[in-house]
PDB file of all heavy atoms in Angstrom:
ATOM      1  N   ASP A   1     133.941  81.789  83.805  1.00  0.00           N
ATOM      2  CA  ASP A   1     135.136  81.106  84.364  1.00  0.00           C
ATOM      3  C   ASP A   1     136.058  80.766  83.174  1.00  0.00           C
ATOM      4  O   ASP A   1     135.669  80.063  82.266  1.00  0.00           O
ATOM      5  CB  ASP A   1     134.786  79.867  85.135  1.00  0.00           C
ATOM      6  CG  ASP A   1     135.912  79.394  86.035  1.00  0.00           C
ATOM      7  OD1 ASP A   1     136.954  78.973  85.463  1.00  0.00           O
ATOM      8  OD2 ASP A   1     135.739  79.422  87.244  1.00  0.00           O
ATOM      9  N   GLY A   2     137.297  81.192  83.269  1.00  0.00           N
ATOM     10  CA  GLY A   2     138.301  80.987  82.205  1.00  0.00           C
ATOM     11  C   GLY A   2     138.687  79.537  81.978  1.00  0.00           C
ATOM     12  O   GLY A   2     139.179  79.143  80.945  1.00  0.00           O
ATOM     13  N   SER A   3     138.449  78.694  83.017  1.00  0.00           N
ATOM     14  CA  SER A   3     138.777  77.229  82.866  1.00  0.00           C
ATOM     15  C   SER A   3     137.992  76.567  81.762  1.00  0.00           C
ATOM     16  O   SER A   3     138.504  75.648  81.111  1.00  0.00           O
ATOM     17  CB  SER A   3     138.575  76.487  84.182  1.00  0.00           C
ATOM     18  OG  SER A   3     137.211  76.519  84.511  1.00  0.00           O
ATOM     19  N   GLU A   4     136.753  77.033  81.492  1.00  0.00           N
ATOM     20  CA  GLU A   4     135.943  76.536  80.383  1.00  0.00           C
ATOM     21  C   GLU A   4     136.655  76.822  79.090  1.00  0.00           C
ATOM     22  O   GLU A   4     136.690  75.947  78.161  1.00  0.00           O
ATOM     23  CB  GLU A   4     134.576  77.174  80.408  1.00  0.00           C
ATOM     24  CG  GLU A   4     133.753  76.799  81.666  1.00  0.00           C
ATOM     25  CD  GLU A   4     132.525  77.636  81.779  1.00  0.00           C
ATOM     26  OE1 GLU A   4     132.237  78.400  80.853  1.00  0.00           O
ATOM     27  OE2 GLU A   4     131.810  77.518  82.786  1.00  0.00           O
ATOM     28  N   VAL A   5     137.128  78.060  78.895  1.00  0.00           N
ATOM     29  CA  VAL A   5     137.769  78.448  77.656  1.00  0.00           C
ATOM     30  C   VAL A   5     139.067  77.594  77.453  1.00  0.00           C
ATOM     31  O   VAL A   5     139.332  77.088  76.404  1.00  0.00           O
ATOM     32  CB  VAL A   5     138.110  79.928  77.662  1.00  0.00           C
ATOM     33  CG1 VAL A   5     138.846  80.333  76.336  1.00  0.00           C
ATOM     34  CG2 VAL A   5     136.860  80.777  77.855  1.00  0.00           C
ATOM     35  N   LEU A   6     139.840  77.475  78.515  1.00  0.00           N
ATOM     36  CA  LEU A   6     141.082  76.722  78.452  1.00  0.00           C
ATOM     37  C   LEU A   6     140.793  75.256  78.123  1.00  0.00           C
ATOM     38  O   LEU A   6     141.517  74.675  77.291  1.00  0.00           O
ATOM     39  CB  LEU A   6     141.803  76.762  79.806  1.00  0.00           C
ATOM     40  CG  LEU A   6     143.110  75.962  79.964  1.00  0.00           C
ATOM     41  CD1 LEU A   6     144.170  76.499  78.976  1.00  0.00           C
ATOM     42  CD2 LEU A   6     143.630  76.053  81.373  1.00  0.00           C
ATOM     43  N   ALA A   7     139.763  74.669  78.709  1.00  0.00           N
ATOM     44  CA  ALA A   7     139.447  73.253  78.429  1.00  0.00           C
ATOM     45  C   ALA A   7     139.025  73.046  76.955  1.00  0.00           C
ATOM     46  O   ALA A   7     139.418  72.092  76.333  1.00  0.00           O
ATOM     47  CB  ALA A   7     138.329  72.837  79.361  1.00  0.00           C
ATOM     48  N   VAL A   8     138.311  73.999  76.460  1.00  0.00           N
ATOM     49  CA  VAL A   8     137.858  73.907  75.015  1.00  0.00           C
ATOM     50  C   VAL A   8     139.066  73.952  74.091  1.00  0.00           C
ATOM     51  O   VAL A   8     139.203  73.151  73.160  1.00  0.00           O
ATOM     52  CB  VAL A   8     136.883  75.072  74.670  1.00  0.00           C
ATOM     53  CG1 VAL A   8     136.682  75.121  73.141  1.00  0.00           C
ATOM     54  CG2 VAL A   8     135.548  74.868  75.361  1.00  0.00           C
ATOM     55  N   LEU A   9     140.025  74.819  74.398  1.00  0.00           N
ATOM     56  CA  LEU A   9     141.231  74.946  73.549  1.00  0.00           C
ATOM     57  C   LEU A   9     142.092  73.707  73.689  1.00  0.00           C
ATOM     58  O   LEU A   9     142.644  73.214  72.713  1.00  0.00           O
ATOM     59  CB  LEU A   9     141.979  76.227  73.922  1.00  0.00           C
ATOM     60  CG  LEU A   9     141.249  77.523  73.751  1.00  0.00           C
ATOM     61  CD1 LEU A   9     142.085  78.704  74.100  1.00  0.00           C
ATOM     62  CD2 LEU A   9     140.686  77.679  72.359  1.00  0.00           C
ATOM     63  N   LEU A  10     142.308  73.222  74.901  1.00  0.00           N
ATOM     64  CA  LEU A  10     143.178  72.061  75.110  1.00  0.00           C
ATOM     65  C   LEU A  10     142.581  70.822  74.463  1.00  0.00           C
ATOM     66  O   LEU A  10     143.333  69.963  73.927  1.00  0.00           O
ATOM     67  CB  LEU A  10     143.365  71.832  76.585  1.00  0.00           C
ATOM     68  CG  LEU A  10     144.274  72.811  77.352  1.00  0.00           C
ATOM     69  CD1 LEU A  10     144.283  72.468  78.867  1.00  0.00           C
ATOM     70  CD2 LEU A  10     145.672  72.839  76.798  1.00  0.00           C
ATOM     71  N   SER A  11     141.289  70.687  74.470  1.00  0.00           N
ATOM     72  CA  SER A  11     140.668  69.502  73.931  1.00  0.00           C
ATOM     73  C   SER A  11     140.850  69.359  72.417  1.00  0.00           C
ATOM     74  O   SER A  11     140.743  68.244  71.896  1.00  0.00           O
ATOM     75  CB  SER A  11     139.137  69.514  74.235  1.00  0.00           C
ATOM     76  OG  SER A  11     138.496  70.510  73.518  1.00  0.00           O
ATOM     77  N   ARG A  12     141.167  70.407  71.755  1.00  0.00           N
ATOM     78  CA  ARG A  12     141.443  70.388  70.294  1.00  0.00           C
ATOM     79  C   ARG A  12     142.698  69.637  69.971  1.00  0.00           C
ATOM     80  O   ARG A  12     142.819  69.142  68.857  1.00  0.00           O
ATOM     81  CB  ARG A  12     141.432  71.818  69.736  1.00  0.00           C
ATOM     82  CG  ARG A  12     140.105  72.529  69.849  1.00  0.00           C
ATOM     83  CD  ARG A  12     140.204  73.928  69.338  1.00  0.00           C
ATOM     84  NE  ARG A  12     138.921  74.649  69.387  1.00  0.00           N
ATOM     85  CZ  ARG A  12     138.725  75.906  69.059  1.00  0.00           C
ATOM     86  NH1 ARG A  12     139.789  76.632  68.651  1.00  0.00           N
ATOM     87  NH2 ARG A  12     137.556  76.465  69.158  1.00  0.00           N
ATOM     88  N   ASN A  13     143.619  69.599  70.874  1.00  0.00           N
ATOM     89  CA  ASN A  13     144.931  68.961  70.627  1.00  0.00           C
ATOM     90  C   ASN A  13     145.208  67.788  71.532  1.00  0.00           C
ATOM     91  O   ASN A  13     146.324  67.345  71.571  1.00  0.00           O
ATOM     92  CB  ASN A  13     146.068  69.997  70.672  1.00  0.00           C
ATOM     93  CG  ASN A  13     145.892  71.137  69.721  1.00  0.00           C
ATOM     94  OD1 ASN A  13     145.739  70.933  68.506  1.00  0.00           O
ATOM     95  ND2 ASN A  13     145.900  72.408  70.249  1.00  0.00           N
ATOM     96  N   MET A  14     144.197  67.353  72.300  1.00  0.00           N
ATOM     97  CA  MET A  14     144.382  66.308  73.275  1.00  0.00           C
ATOM     98  C   MET A  14     143.253  65.264  73.087  1.00  0.00           C
ATOM     99  O   MET A  14     142.141  65.626  72.657  1.00  0.00           O
ATOM    100  CB  MET A  14     144.368  66.801  74.708  1.00  0.00           C
ATOM    101  CG  MET A  14     145.474  67.810  75.013  1.00  0.00           C
ATOM    102  SD  MET A  14     145.430  68.454  76.675  1.00  0.00           S
ATOM    103  CE  MET A  14     145.797  66.942  77.648  1.00  0.00           C
ATOM    104  N   PRO A  15     143.517  63.958  73.368  1.00  0.00           N
ATOM    105  CA  PRO A  15     142.493  62.929  73.203  1.00  0.00           C
ATOM    106  C   PRO A  15     141.542  62.878  74.381  1.00  0.00           C
ATOM    107  O   PRO A  15     141.191  61.794  74.827  1.00  0.00           O
ATOM    108  CB  PRO A  15     143.331  61.689  73.079  1.00  0.00           C
ATOM    109  CG  PRO A  15     144.556  61.916  73.951  1.00  0.00           C
ATOM    110  CD  PRO A  15     144.810  63.405  73.734  1.00  0.00           C
ATOM    111  N   PHE A  16     141.143  64.026  74.871  1.00  0.00           N
ATOM    112  CA  PHE A  16     140.210  64.083  76.008  1.00  0.00           C
ATOM    113  C   PHE A  16     139.091  65.065  75.723  1.00  0.00           C
ATOM    114  O   PHE A  16     139.299  66.030  74.975  1.00  0.00           O
ATOM    115  CB  PHE A  16     140.896  64.493  77.291  1.00  0.00           C
ATOM    116  CG  PHE A  16     142.056  63.615  77.681  1.00  0.00           C
ATOM    117  CD1 PHE A  16     143.379  64.000  77.483  1.00  0.00           C
ATOM    118  CD2 PHE A  16     141.834  62.340  78.240  1.00  0.00           C
ATOM    119  CE1 PHE A  16     144.416  63.163  77.849  1.00  0.00           C
ATOM    120  CE2 PHE A  16     142.854  61.545  78.610  1.00  0.00           C
ATOM    121  CZ  PHE A  16     144.149  61.920  78.415  1.00  0.00           C
ATOM    122  N   SER A  17     137.904  64.822  76.268  1.00  0.00           N
ATOM    123  CA  SER A  17     136.805  65.727  76.138  1.00  0.00           C
ATOM    124  C   SER A  17     136.992  66.959  77.016  1.00  0.00           C
ATOM    125  O   SER A  17     137.825  66.997  77.912  1.00  0.00           O
ATOM    126  CB  SER A  17     135.471  65.069  76.424  1.00  0.00           C
ATOM    127  OG  SER A  17     135.406  64.818  77.838  1.00  0.00           O
ATOM    128  N   VAL A  18     136.194  67.996  76.738  1.00  0.00           N
ATOM    129  CA  VAL A  18     136.275  69.239  77.580  1.00  0.00           C
ATOM    130  C   VAL A  18     135.915  68.881  78.990  1.00  0.00           C
ATOM    131  O   VAL A  18     136.566  69.337  79.942  1.00  0.00           O
ATOM    132  CB  VAL A  18     135.311  70.307  76.983  1.00  0.00           C
ATOM    133  CG1 VAL A  18     135.254  71.463  77.945  1.00  0.00           C
ATOM    134  CG2 VAL A  18     135.760  70.735  75.632  1.00  0.00           C
ATOM    135  N   GLY A  19     134.886  68.037  79.153  1.00  0.00           N
ATOM    136  CA  GLY A  19     134.510  67.654  80.550  1.00  0.00           C
ATOM    137  C   GLY A  19     135.566  66.934  81.301  1.00  0.00           C
ATOM    138  O   GLY A  19     135.783  67.160  82.469  1.00  0.00           O
ATOM    139  N   ASP A  20     136.352  66.059  80.599  1.00  0.00           N
ATOM    140  CA  ASP A  20     137.449  65.312  81.208  1.00  0.00           C
ATOM    141  C   ASP A  20     138.550  66.300  81.659  1.00  0.00           C
ATOM    142  O   ASP A  20     139.112  66.159  82.758  1.00  0.00           O
ATOM    143  CB  ASP A  20     138.052  64.336  80.248  1.00  0.00           C
ATOM    144  CG  ASP A  20     137.094  63.169  79.951  1.00  0.00           C
ATOM    145  OD1 ASP A  20     136.234  62.891  80.778  1.00  0.00           O
ATOM    146  OD2 ASP A  20     137.236  62.581  78.870  1.00  0.00           O
ATOM    147  N   ILE A  21     138.820  67.288  80.833  1.00  0.00           N
ATOM    148  CA  ILE A  21     139.893  68.254  81.172  1.00  0.00           C
ATOM    149  C   ILE A  21     139.520  69.125  82.354  1.00  0.00           C
ATOM    150  O   ILE A  21     140.313  69.370  83.270  1.00  0.00           O
ATOM    151  CB  ILE A  21     140.222  69.134  79.962  1.00  0.00           C
ATOM    152  CG1 ILE A  21     140.848  68.273  78.848  1.00  0.00           C
ATOM    153  CG2 ILE A  21     141.208  70.254  80.293  1.00  0.00           C
ATOM    154  CD1 ILE A  21     141.012  69.004  77.516  1.00  0.00           C
ATOM    155  N   ILE A  22     138.253  69.601  82.401  1.00  0.00           N
ATOM    156  CA  ILE A  22     137.787  70.386  83.480  1.00  0.00           C
ATOM    157  C   ILE A  22     137.810  69.567  84.828  1.00  0.00           C
ATOM    158  O   ILE A  22     138.154  70.063  85.870  1.00  0.00           O
ATOM    159  CB  ILE A  22     136.359  70.876  83.229  1.00  0.00           C
ATOM    160  CG1 ILE A  22     136.399  71.993  82.165  1.00  0.00           C
ATOM    161  CG2 ILE A  22     135.683  71.460  84.498  1.00  0.00           C
ATOM    162  CD1 ILE A  22     135.050  72.544  81.779  1.00  0.00           C
ATOM    163  N   LEU A  23     137.428  68.310  84.697  1.00  0.00           N
ATOM    164  CA  LEU A  23     137.431  67.430  85.876  1.00  0.00           C
ATOM    165  C   LEU A  23     138.859  67.261  86.399  1.00  0.00           C
ATOM    166  O   LEU A  23     139.082  67.341  87.613  1.00  0.00           O
ATOM    167  CB  LEU A  23     136.830  66.074  85.561  1.00  0.00           C
ATOM    168  CG  LEU A  23     136.697  65.073  86.685  1.00  0.00           C
ATOM    169  CD1 LEU A  23     135.777  65.621  87.739  1.00  0.00           C
ATOM    170  CD2 LEU A  23     136.214  63.725  86.171  1.00  0.00           C
ATOM    171  N   PHE A  24     139.820  67.139  85.456  1.00  0.00           N
ATOM    172  CA  PHE A  24     141.255  67.003  85.821  1.00  0.00           C
ATOM    173  C   PHE A  24     141.735  68.282  86.557  1.00  0.00           C
ATOM    174  O   PHE A  24     142.395  68.216  87.565  1.00  0.00           O
ATOM    175  CB  PHE A  24     142.061  66.690  84.581  1.00  0.00           C
ATOM    176  CG  PHE A  24     143.516  66.528  84.855  1.00  0.00           C
ATOM    177  CD1 PHE A  24     143.998  65.340  85.371  1.00  0.00           C
ATOM    178  CD2 PHE A  24     144.422  67.528  84.557  1.00  0.00           C
ATOM    179  CE1 PHE A  24     145.356  65.177  85.633  1.00  0.00           C
ATOM    180  CE2 PHE A  24     145.759  67.371  84.786  1.00  0.00           C
ATOM    181  CZ  PHE A  24     146.241  66.173  85.341  1.00  0.00           C
ATOM    182  N   ILE A  25     141.398  69.436  85.989  1.00  0.00           N
ATOM    183  CA  ILE A  25     141.815  70.712  86.537  1.00  0.00           C
ATOM    184  C   ILE A  25     141.256  70.891  87.943  1.00  0.00           C
ATOM    185  O   ILE A  25     141.943  71.272  88.907  1.00  0.00           O
ATOM    186  CB  ILE A  25     141.399  71.894  85.656  1.00  0.00           C
ATOM    187  CG1 ILE A  25     142.145  71.862  84.310  1.00  0.00           C
ATOM    188  CG2 ILE A  25     141.626  73.213  86.362  1.00  0.00           C
ATOM    189  CD1 ILE A  25     141.661  72.827  83.270  1.00  0.00           C
ATOM    190  N   ASN A  26     139.978  70.574  88.074  1.00  0.00           N
ATOM    191  CA  ASN A  26     139.289  70.773  89.358  1.00  0.00           C
ATOM    192  C   ASN A  26     139.758  69.794  90.419  1.00  0.00           C
ATOM    193  O   ASN A  26     139.711  70.084  91.610  1.00  0.00           O
ATOM    194  CB  ASN A  26     137.762  70.673  89.179  1.00  0.00           C
ATOM    195  CG  ASN A  26     137.162  71.919  88.534  1.00  0.00           C
ATOM    196  OD1 ASN A  26     137.719  72.962  88.639  1.00  0.00           O
ATOM    197  ND2 ASN A  26     136.106  71.759  87.849  1.00  0.00           N
ATOM    198  N   ALA A  27     140.209  68.624  89.971  1.00  0.00           N
ATOM    199  CA  ALA A  27     140.786  67.677  90.982  1.00  0.00           C
ATOM    200  C   ALA A  27     141.905  68.313  91.767  1.00  0.00           C
ATOM    201  O   ALA A  27     141.985  68.187  93.021  1.00  0.00           O
ATOM    202  CB  ALA A  27     141.224  66.420  90.269  1.00  0.00           C
ATOM    203  N   PHE A  28     142.824  68.988  91.110  1.00  0.00           N
ATOM    204  CA  PHE A  28     143.917  69.694  91.776  1.00  0.00           C
ATOM    205  C   PHE A  28     143.395  70.825  92.624  1.00  0.00           C
ATOM    206  O   PHE A  28     143.936  71.089  93.732  1.00  0.00           O
ATOM    207  CB  PHE A  28     144.933  70.208  90.764  1.00  0.00           C
ATOM    208  CG  PHE A  28     145.775  69.099  90.169  1.00  0.00           C
ATOM    209  CD1 PHE A  28     145.434  68.560  88.937  1.00  0.00           C
ATOM    210  CD2 PHE A  28     146.913  68.684  90.808  1.00  0.00           C
ATOM    211  CE1 PHE A  28     146.241  67.557  88.386  1.00  0.00           C
ATOM    212  CE2 PHE A  28     147.696  67.661  90.278  1.00  0.00           C
ATOM    213  CZ  PHE A  28     147.356  67.120  89.039  1.00  0.00           C
ATOM    214  N   ILE A  29     142.393  71.531  92.183  1.00  0.00           N
ATOM    215  CA  ILE A  29     141.837  72.664  92.956  1.00  0.00           C
ATOM    216  C   ILE A  29     141.207  72.184  94.236  1.00  0.00           C
ATOM    217  O   ILE A  29     141.443  72.742  95.342  1.00  0.00           O
ATOM    218  CB  ILE A  29     140.844  73.472  92.096  1.00  0.00           C
ATOM    219  CG1 ILE A  29     141.552  74.139  90.946  1.00  0.00           C
ATOM    220  CG2 ILE A  29     140.084  74.525  92.975  1.00  0.00           C
ATOM    221  CD1 ILE A  29     140.585  74.777  89.943  1.00  0.00           C
ATOM    222  N   PHE A  30     140.462  71.081  94.211  1.00  0.00           N
ATOM    223  CA  PHE A  30     139.836  70.558  95.390  1.00  0.00           C
ATOM    224  C   PHE A  30     140.817  69.906  96.327  1.00  0.00           C
ATOM    225  O   PHE A  30     140.634  69.944  97.586  1.00  0.00           O
ATOM    226  CB  PHE A  30     138.713  69.561  95.021  1.00  0.00           C
ATOM    227  CG  PHE A  30     137.535  70.234  94.278  1.00  0.00           C
ATOM    228  CD1 PHE A  30     137.022  69.644  93.149  1.00  0.00           C
ATOM    229  CD2 PHE A  30     137.036  71.405  94.736  1.00  0.00           C
ATOM    230  CE1 PHE A  30     135.953  70.220  92.497  1.00  0.00           C
ATOM    231  CE2 PHE A  30     135.966  72.043  94.082  1.00  0.00           C
ATOM    232  CZ  PHE A  30     135.439  71.430  92.942  1.00  0.00           C
ATOM    233  N   ILE A  31     141.879  69.368  95.830  1.00  0.00           N
ATOM    234  CA  ILE A  31     142.958  68.873  96.662  1.00  0.00           C
ATOM    235  C   ILE A  31     143.617  70.038  97.466  1.00  0.00           C
ATOM    236  O   ILE A  31     143.872  69.934  98.648  1.00  0.00           O
ATOM    237  CB  ILE A  31     144.041  68.149  95.852  1.00  0.00           C
ATOM    238  CG1 ILE A  31     143.477  66.829  95.346  1.00  0.00           C
ATOM    239  CG2 ILE A  31     145.307  67.886  96.687  1.00  0.00           C
ATOM    240  CD1 ILE A  31     144.402  66.099  94.355  1.00  0.00           C
ATOM    241  N   GLY A  32     143.838  71.133  96.746  1.00  0.00           N
ATOM    242  CA  GLY A  32     144.364  72.360  97.413  1.00  0.00           C
ATOM    243  C   GLY A  32     143.373  72.864  98.470  1.00  0.00           C
ATOM    244  O   GLY A  32     143.777  73.309  99.516  1.00  0.00           O
ATOM    245  N   ALA A  33     142.063  72.794  98.161  1.00  0.00           N
ATOM    246  CA  ALA A  33     141.051  73.231  99.099  1.00  0.00           C
ATOM    247  C   ALA A  33     141.063  72.373 100.379  1.00  0.00           C
ATOM    248  O   ALA A  33     140.833  72.853 101.475  1.00  0.00           O
ATOM    249  CB  ALA A  33     139.655  73.161  98.485  1.00  0.00           C
ATOM    250  N   GLY A  34     141.454  71.080 100.210  1.00  0.00           N
ATOM    251  CA  GLY A  34     141.546  70.194 101.371  1.00  0.00           C
ATOM    252  C   GLY A  34     142.587  70.690 102.375  1.00  0.00           C
ATOM    253  O   GLY A  34     142.419  70.528 103.568  1.00  0.00           O
ATOM    254  N   PHE A  35     143.708  71.235 101.878  1.00  0.00           N
ATOM    255  CA  PHE A  35     144.777  71.750 102.782  1.00  0.00           C
ATOM    256  C   PHE A  35     144.349  73.026 103.448  1.00  0.00           C
ATOM    257  O   PHE A  35     144.813  73.344 104.594  1.00  0.00           O
ATOM    258  CB  PHE A  35     146.054  71.976 101.966  1.00  0.00           C
ATOM    259  CG  PHE A  35     146.765  70.688 101.546  1.00  0.00           C
ATOM    260  CD1 PHE A  35     146.643  70.287 100.274  1.00  0.00           C
ATOM    261  CD2 PHE A  35     147.470  69.961 102.455  1.00  0.00           C
ATOM    262  CE1 PHE A  35     147.237  69.049  99.863  1.00  0.00           C
ATOM    263  CE2 PHE A  35     148.113  68.779 102.055  1.00  0.00           C
ATOM    264  CZ  PHE A  35     147.981  68.318 100.760  1.00  0.00           C
TER     265      PHE A  35
END
């Protein structure tokens, strides 16, 4: 899954862990799944 790669790269320039970024991304995905 490419989201793992994206999260690793974003975490290098952001004050968040990889797990935090993946959780943030997936929050929007699951909201979309709700609709």
